[in-house]
Amino acid sequence: MATITTNAQAGGFSSSVLLAPFRAIGRFMIMLAEASPQMRALHRLSEVSDEELAAKGLTRDGEVRRILGGAAAI
């Protein structure tokens, strides 16, 4: 039995050239969203256990509503 391995590349236009700016814009938008104070507060909230919140008399749902304000209803 014979095995043949080939690594042929097409000489045509690569779609990655067209997609590169869109990927860069997407990464930038994610970076902006993650840098917001709300996202940082939500990240800190995710690190707190439900038991710790209950000990403080808080609920996760209530804290999310407090952090996000009116945007939590969306």
PDB file of N, CA and C in Angstrom:
ATOM      1  N   MET A   1       0.835  -1.172   0.000  1.00  0.00           N
ATOM      2  CA  MET A   1       0.000   0.000   0.000  1.00  0.00           C
ATOM      3  C   MET A   1       0.883   1.239   0.000  1.00  0.00           C
ATOM      4  N   ALA A   2       0.555   2.181  -0.833  1.00  0.00           N
ATOM      5  CA  ALA A   2       1.343   3.402  -0.973  1.00  0.00           C
ATOM      6  C   ALA A   2       0.571   4.594  -0.422  1.00  0.00           C
ATOM      7  N   THR A   3       1.291   5.510   0.197  1.00  0.00           N
ATOM      8  CA  THR A   3       0.691   6.729   0.730  1.00  0.00           C
ATOM      9  C   THR A   3       1.383   7.923   0.093  1.00  0.00           C
ATOM     10  N   ILE A   4       0.594   8.863  -0.357  1.00  0.00           N
ATOM     11  CA  ILE A   4       1.143  10.063  -0.982  1.00  0.00           C
ATOM     12  C   ILE A   4       0.640  11.279  -0.208  1.00  0.00           C
ATOM     13  N   THR A   5       1.549  12.149   0.149  1.00  0.00           N
ATOM     14  CA  THR A   5       1.202  13.390   0.832  1.00  0.00           C
ATOM     15  C   THR A   5       1.582  14.554  -0.070  1.00  0.00           C
ATOM     16  N   THR A   6       0.635  15.426  -0.303  1.00  0.00           N
ATOM     17  CA  THR A   6       0.919  16.607  -1.117  1.00  0.00           C
ATOM     18  C   THR A   6       0.536  17.861  -0.356  1.00  0.00           C
ATOM     19  N   ASN A   7       1.262  18.891  -0.587  1.00  0.00           N
ATOM     20  CA  ASN A   7       0.988  20.191   0.024  1.00  0.00           C
ATOM     21  C   ASN A   7       0.889  21.234  -1.077  1.00  0.00           C
ATOM     22  N   ALA A   8      -0.135  21.147  -1.844  1.00  0.00           N
ATOM     23  CA  ALA A   8      -0.320  22.084  -2.951  1.00  0.00           C
ATOM     24  C   ALA A   8      -1.147  23.269  -2.481  1.00  0.00           C
ATOM     25  N   GLN A   9      -0.715  24.459  -2.817  1.00  0.00           N
ATOM     26  CA  GLN A   9      -1.462  25.665  -2.482  1.00  0.00           C
ATOM     27  C   GLN A   9      -1.935  26.312  -3.773  1.00  0.00           C
ATOM     28  N   ALA A  10      -3.148  26.775  -3.731  1.00  0.00           N
ATOM     29  CA  ALA A  10      -3.698  27.435  -4.910  1.00  0.00           C
ATOM     30  C   ALA A  10      -3.018  28.784  -5.092  1.00  0.00           C
ATOM     31  N   GLY A  11      -2.773  29.134  -6.303  1.00  0.00           N
ATOM     32  CA  GLY A  11      -2.124  30.400  -6.586  1.00  0.00           C
ATOM     33  C   GLY A  11      -3.099  31.556  -6.617  1.00  0.00           C
ATOM     34  N   GLY A  12      -4.378  31.280  -6.341  1.00  0.00           N
ATOM     35  CA  GLY A  12      -5.410  32.307  -6.413  1.00  0.00           C
ATOM     36  C   GLY A  12      -5.444  33.203  -5.193  1.00  0.00           C
ATOM     37  N   PHE A  13      -6.471  34.015  -5.146  1.00  0.00           N
ATOM     38  CA  PHE A  13      -6.662  35.006  -4.086  1.00  0.00           C
ATOM     39  C   PHE A  13      -7.137  34.329  -2.802  1.00  0.00           C
ATOM     40  N   SER A  14      -6.569  34.686  -1.694  1.00  0.00           N
ATOM     41  CA  SER A  14      -6.934  34.109  -0.405  1.00  0.00           C
ATOM     42  C   SER A  14      -8.016  34.966   0.264  1.00  0.00           C
ATOM     43  N   SER A  15      -9.034  34.309   0.784  1.00  0.00           N
ATOM     44  CA  SER A  15     -10.111  35.051   1.448  1.00  0.00           C
ATOM     45  C   SER A  15      -9.657  35.650   2.775  1.00  0.00           C
ATOM     46  N   SER A  16      -8.555  35.144   3.329  1.00  0.00           N
ATOM     47  CA  SER A  16      -8.079  35.682   4.603  1.00  0.00           C
ATOM     48  C   SER A  16      -7.673  37.148   4.476  1.00  0.00           C
ATOM     49  N   VAL A  17      -7.283  37.557   3.287  1.00  0.00           N
ATOM     50  CA  VAL A  17      -6.928  38.965   3.068  1.00  0.00           C
ATOM     51  C   VAL A  17      -8.161  39.848   3.240  1.00  0.00           C
ATOM     52  N   LEU A  18      -9.293  39.383   2.743  1.00  0.00           N
ATOM     53  CA  LEU A  18     -10.532  40.158   2.878  1.00  0.00           C
ATOM     54  C   LEU A  18     -11.073  40.123   4.304  1.00  0.00           C
ATOM     55  N   LEU A  19     -10.877  39.010   4.994  1.00  0.00           N
ATOM     56  CA  LEU A  19     -11.439  38.856   6.331  1.00  0.00           C
ATOM     57  C   LEU A  19     -10.597  39.508   7.421  1.00  0.00           C
ATOM     58  N   ALA A  20      -9.329  39.765   7.174  1.00  0.00           N
ATOM     59  CA  ALA A  20      -8.430  40.306   8.195  1.00  0.00           C
ATOM     60  C   ALA A  20      -8.937  41.606   8.822  1.00  0.00           C
ATOM     61  N   PRO A  21      -9.409  42.597   8.061  1.00  0.00           N
ATOM     62  CA  PRO A  21      -9.896  43.826   8.706  1.00  0.00           C
ATOM     63  C   PRO A  21     -11.114  43.582   9.597  1.00  0.00           C
ATOM     64  N   PHE A  22     -11.986  42.679   9.186  1.00  0.00           N
ATOM     65  CA  PHE A  22     -13.174  42.390   9.985  1.00  0.00           C
ATOM     66  C   PHE A  22     -12.802  41.679  11.282  1.00  0.00           C
ATOM     67  N   ARG A  23     -11.818  40.805  11.212  1.00  0.00           N
ATOM     68  CA  ARG A  23     -11.342  40.139  12.427  1.00  0.00           C
ATOM     69  C   ARG A  23     -10.728  41.152  13.382  1.00  0.00           C
ATOM     70  N   ALA A  24      -9.961  42.084  12.844  1.00  0.00           N
ATOM     71  CA  ALA A  24      -9.331  43.114  13.675  1.00  0.00           C
ATOM     72  C   ALA A  24     -10.382  43.999  14.336  1.00  0.00           C
ATOM     73  N   ILE A  25     -11.402  44.378  13.591  1.00  0.00           N
ATOM     74  CA  ILE A  25     -12.487  45.196  14.152  1.00  0.00           C
ATOM     75  C   ILE A  25     -13.216  44.420  15.243  1.00  0.00           C
ATOM     76  N   GLY A  26     -13.472  43.146  15.011  1.00  0.00           N
ATOM     77  CA  GLY A  26     -14.143  42.315  16.010  1.00  0.00           C
ATOM     78  C   GLY A  26     -13.331  42.199  17.284  1.00  0.00           C
ATOM     79  N   ARG A  27     -12.019  41.973  17.152  1.00  0.00           N
ATOM     80  CA  ARG A  27     -11.161  41.885  18.340  1.00  0.00           C
ATOM     81  C   ARG A  27     -11.152  43.208  19.101  1.00  0.00           C
ATOM     82  N   PHE A  28     -11.140  44.328  18.368  1.00  0.00           N
ATOM     83  CA  PHE A  28     -11.144  45.645  19.001  1.00  0.00           C
ATOM     84  C   PHE A  28     -12.444  45.872  19.770  1.00  0.00           C
ATOM     85  N   MET A  29     -13.574  45.492  19.179  1.00  0.00           N
ATOM     86  CA  MET A  29     -14.867  45.675  19.849  1.00  0.00           C
ATOM     87  C   MET A  29     -14.955  44.819  21.110  1.00  0.00           C
ATOM     88  N   ILE A  30     -14.434  43.608  21.068  1.00  0.00           N
ATOM     89  CA  ILE A  30     -14.418  42.749  22.251  1.00  0.00           C
ATOM     90  C   ILE A  30     -13.538  43.368  23.327  1.00  0.00           C
ATOM     91  N   MET A  31     -12.391  43.900  22.929  1.00  0.00           N
ATOM     92  CA  MET A  31     -11.490  44.538  23.883  1.00  0.00           C
ATOM     93  C   MET A  31     -12.173  45.727  24.561  1.00  0.00           C
ATOM     94  N   LEU A  32     -12.904  46.542  23.791  1.00  0.00           N
ATOM     95  CA  LEU A  32     -13.622  47.679  24.367  1.00  0.00           C
ATOM     96  C   LEU A  32     -14.693  47.223  25.348  1.00  0.00           C
ATOM     97  N   ALA A  33     -15.444  46.198  24.972  1.00  0.00           N
ATOM     98  CA  ALA A  33     -16.520  45.709  25.837  1.00  0.00           C
ATOM     99  C   ALA A  33     -15.964  45.148  27.138  1.00  0.00           C
ATOM    100  N   GLU A  34     -14.864  44.409  27.060  1.00  0.00           N
ATOM    101  CA  GLU A  34     -14.288  43.814  28.263  1.00  0.00           C
ATOM    102  C   GLU A  34     -13.636  44.850  29.164  1.00  0.00           C
ATOM    103  N   ALA A  35     -13.299  46.011  28.630  1.00  0.00           N
ATOM    104  CA  ALA A  35     -12.659  47.054  29.424  1.00  0.00           C
ATOM    105  C   ALA A  35     -13.667  47.920  30.175  1.00  0.00           C
ATOM    106  N   SER A  36     -14.956  47.745  29.920  1.00  0.00           N
ATOM    107  CA  SER A  36     -15.959  48.597  30.561  1.00  0.00           C
ATOM    108  C   SER A  36     -16.070  48.275  32.052  1.00  0.00           C
ATOM    109  N   PRO A  37     -16.407  49.269  32.860  1.00  0.00           N
ATOM    110  CA  PRO A  37     -16.564  49.045  34.299  1.00  0.00           C
ATOM    111  C   PRO A  37     -17.639  48.002  34.612  1.00  0.00           C
ATOM    112  N   GLN A  38     -18.706  47.969  33.813  1.00  0.00           N
ATOM    113  CA  GLN A  38     -19.761  46.984  34.049  1.00  0.00           C
ATOM    114  C   GLN A  38     -19.241  45.567  33.861  1.00  0.00           C
ATOM    115  N   MET A  39     -18.466  45.341  32.827  1.00  0.00           N
ATOM    116  CA  MET A  39     -17.932  44.001  32.590  1.00  0.00           C
ATOM    117  C   MET A  39     -16.962  43.601  33.693  1.00  0.00           C
ATOM    118  N   ARG A  40     -16.161  44.550  34.170  1.00  0.00           N
ATOM    119  CA  ARG A  40     -15.242  44.233  35.272  1.00  0.00           C
ATOM    120  C   ARG A  40     -16.027  43.880  36.526  1.00  0.00           C
ATOM    121  N   ALA A  41     -17.118  44.613  36.791  1.00  0.00           N
ATOM    122  CA  ALA A  41     -17.949  44.315  37.964  1.00  0.00           C
ATOM    123  C   ALA A  41     -18.626  42.958  37.822  1.00  0.00           C
ATOM    124  N   LEU A  42     -19.096  42.631  36.620  1.00  0.00           N
ATOM    125  CA  LEU A  42     -19.708  41.320  36.401  1.00  0.00           C
ATOM    126  C   LEU A  42     -18.686  40.202  36.558  1.00  0.00           C
ATOM    127  N   HIS A  43     -17.458  40.450  36.139  1.00  0.00           N
ATOM    128  CA  HIS A  43     -16.402  39.445  36.302  1.00  0.00           C
ATOM    129  C   HIS A  43     -16.122  39.215  37.785  1.00  0.00           C
ATOM    130  N   ARG A  44     -16.051  40.306  38.562  1.00  0.00           N
ATOM    131  CA  ARG A  44     -15.841  40.155  40.009  1.00  0.00           C
ATOM    132  C   ARG A  44     -17.008  39.406  40.636  1.00  0.00           C
ATOM    133  N   LEU A  45     -18.241  39.695  40.178  1.00  0.00           N
ATOM    134  CA  LEU A  45     -19.416  39.010  40.710  1.00  0.00           C
ATOM    135  C   LEU A  45     -19.362  37.519  40.403  1.00  0.00           C
ATOM    136  N   SER A  46     -18.864  37.162  39.230  1.00  0.00           N
ATOM    137  CA  SER A  46     -18.807  35.743  38.867  1.00  0.00           C
ATOM    138  C   SER A  46     -17.816  34.971  39.724  1.00  0.00           C
ATOM    139  N   GLU A  47     -16.878  35.679  40.344  1.00  0.00           N
ATOM    140  CA  GLU A  47     -15.898  35.025  41.208  1.00  0.00           C
ATOM    141  C   GLU A  47     -16.414  34.818  42.628  1.00  0.00           C
ATOM    142  N   VAL A  48     -17.565  35.411  42.954  1.00  0.00           N
ATOM    143  CA  VAL A  48     -18.150  35.287  44.291  1.00  0.00           C
ATOM    144  C   VAL A  48     -19.159  34.142  44.277  1.00  0.00           C
ATOM    145  N   SER A  49     -19.097  33.300  45.305  1.00  0.00           N
ATOM    146  CA  SER A  49     -20.028  32.169  45.366  1.00  0.00           C
ATOM    147  C   SER A  49     -21.407  32.638  45.830  1.00  0.00           C
ATOM    148  N   ASP A  50     -22.410  31.817  45.543  1.00  0.00           N
ATOM    149  CA  ASP A  50     -23.775  32.128  45.981  1.00  0.00           C
ATOM    150  C   ASP A  50     -23.859  32.168  47.502  1.00  0.00           C
ATOM    151  N   GLU A  51     -23.070  31.333  48.162  1.00  0.00           N
ATOM    152  CA  GLU A  51     -23.073  31.314  49.629  1.00  0.00           C
ATOM    153  C   GLU A  51     -22.536  32.629  50.196  1.00  0.00           C
ATOM    154  N   GLU A  52     -21.487  33.164  49.577  1.00  0.00           N
ATOM    155  CA  GLU A  52     -20.937  34.444  50.029  1.00  0.00           C
ATOM    156  C   GLU A  52     -21.936  35.576  49.817  1.00  0.00           C
ATOM    157  N   LEU A  53     -22.637  35.540  48.692  1.00  0.00           N
ATOM    158  CA  LEU A  53     -23.661  36.559  48.444  1.00  0.00           C
ATOM    159  C   LEU A  53     -24.788  36.450  49.463  1.00  0.00           C
ATOM    160  N   ALA A  54     -25.219  35.215  49.741  1.00  0.00           N
ATOM    161  CA  ALA A  54     -26.301  35.010  50.706  1.00  0.00           C
ATOM    162  C   ALA A  54     -25.886  35.489  52.096  1.00  0.00           C
ATOM    163  N   ALA A  55     -24.619  35.302  52.448  1.00  0.00           N
ATOM    164  CA  ALA A  55     -24.132  35.760  53.750  1.00  0.00           C
ATOM    165  C   ALA A  55     -24.207  37.282  53.864  1.00  0.00           C
ATOM    166  N   LYS A  56     -24.108  37.962  52.739  1.00  0.00           N
ATOM    167  CA  LYS A  56     -24.214  39.426  52.720  1.00  0.00           C
ATOM    168  C   LYS A  56     -25.652  39.888  52.528  1.00  0.00           C
ATOM    169  N   GLY A  57     -26.575  38.937  52.379  1.00  0.00           N
ATOM    170  CA  GLY A  57     -27.975  39.283  52.165  1.00  0.00           C
ATOM    171  C   GLY A  57     -28.276  39.711  50.739  1.00  0.00           C
ATOM    172  N   LEU A  58     -27.461  39.261  49.792  1.00  0.00           N
ATOM    173  CA  LEU A  58     -27.622  39.644  48.391  1.00  0.00           C
ATOM    174  C   LEU A  58     -27.950  38.429  47.541  1.00  0.00           C
ATOM    175  N   THR A  59     -28.523  38.681  46.376  1.00  0.00           N
ATOM    176  CA  THR A  59     -28.745  37.611  45.403  1.00  0.00           C
ATOM    177  C   THR A  59     -27.975  37.953  44.135  1.00  0.00           C
ATOM    178  N   ARG A  60     -27.613  36.934  43.392  1.00  0.00           N
ATOM    179  CA  ARG A  60     -26.882  37.154  42.141  1.00  0.00           C
ATOM    180  C   ARG A  60     -27.733  37.963  41.162  1.00  0.00           C
ATOM    181  N   ASP A  61     -29.022  37.630  41.089  1.00  0.00           N
ATOM    182  CA  ASP A  61     -29.922  38.343  40.185  1.00  0.00           C
ATOM    183  C   ASP A  61     -30.010  39.824  40.559  1.00  0.00           C
ATOM    184  N   GLY A  62     -30.118  40.091  41.849  1.00  0.00           N
ATOM    185  CA  GLY A  62     -30.186  41.476  42.303  1.00  0.00           C
ATOM    186  C   GLY A  62     -28.914  42.251  42.004  1.00  0.00           C
ATOM    187  N   GLU A  63     -27.779  41.595  42.156  1.00  0.00           N
ATOM    188  CA  GLU A  63     -26.508  42.256  41.869  1.00  0.00           C
ATOM    189  C   GLU A  63     -26.338  42.528  40.377  1.00  0.00           C
ATOM    190  N   VAL A  64     -26.771  41.589  39.542  1.00  0.00           N
ATOM    191  CA  VAL A  64     -26.697  41.816  38.095  1.00  0.00           C
ATOM    192  C   VAL A  64     -27.564  43.002  37.718  1.00  0.00           C
ATOM    193  N   ARG A  65     -28.759  43.086  38.298  1.00  0.00           N
ATOM    194  CA  ARG A  65     -29.641  44.227  38.021  1.00  0.00           C
ATOM    195  C   ARG A  65     -29.030  45.539  38.504  1.00  0.00           C
ATOM    196  N   ARG A  66     -28.363  45.495  39.657  1.00  0.00           N
ATOM    197  CA  ARG A  66     -27.721  46.699  40.183  1.00  0.00           C
ATOM    198  C   ARG A  66     -26.581  47.140  39.268  1.00  0.00           C
ATOM    199  N   ILE A  67     -25.774  46.187  38.814  1.00  0.00           N
ATOM    200  CA  ILE A  67     -24.621  46.513  37.975  1.00  0.00           C
ATOM    201  C   ILE A  67     -25.055  47.017  36.608  1.00  0.00           C
ATOM    202  N   LEU A  68     -26.005  46.323  35.994  1.00  0.00           N
ATOM    203  CA  LEU A  68     -26.402  46.664  34.630  1.00  0.00           C
ATOM    204  C   LEU A  68     -27.492  47.717  34.559  1.00  0.00           C
ATOM    205  N   GLY A  69     -28.197  47.956  35.650  1.00  0.00           N
ATOM    206  CA  GLY A  69     -29.269  48.948  35.648  1.00  0.00           C
ATOM    207  C   GLY A  69     -30.381  48.547  34.700  1.00  0.00           C
ATOM    208  N   GLY A  70     -30.830  49.464  33.867  1.00  0.00           N
ATOM    209  CA  GLY A  70     -31.915  49.200  32.934  1.00  0.00           C
ATOM    210  C   GLY A  70     -31.548  48.218  31.842  1.00  0.00           C
ATOM    211  N   ALA A  71     -30.260  48.056  31.568  1.00  0.00           N
ATOM    212  CA  ALA A  71     -29.833  47.134  30.505  1.00  0.00           C
ATOM    213  C   ALA A  71     -30.071  45.682  30.895  1.00  0.00           C
ATOM    214  N   ALA A  72     -30.277  45.401  32.183  1.00  0.00           N
ATOM    215  CA  ALA A  72     -30.488  44.020  32.627  1.00  0.00           C
ATOM    216  C   ALA A  72     -31.821  43.479  32.153  1.00  0.00           C
ATOM    217  N   ALA A  73     -32.762  44.350  31.842  1.00  0.00           N
ATOM    218  CA  ALA A  73     -34.087  43.903  31.408  1.00  0.00           C
ATOM    219  C   ALA A  73     -34.090  43.442  29.957  1.00  0.00           C
ATOM    220  N   ILE A  74     -33.069  43.795  29.224  1.00  0.00           N
ATOM    221  CA  ILE A  74     -33.026  43.451  27.793  1.00  0.00           C
ATOM    222  C   ILE A  74     -32.697  42.005  27.593  1.00  0.00           C
TER     223      ILE A  74
END
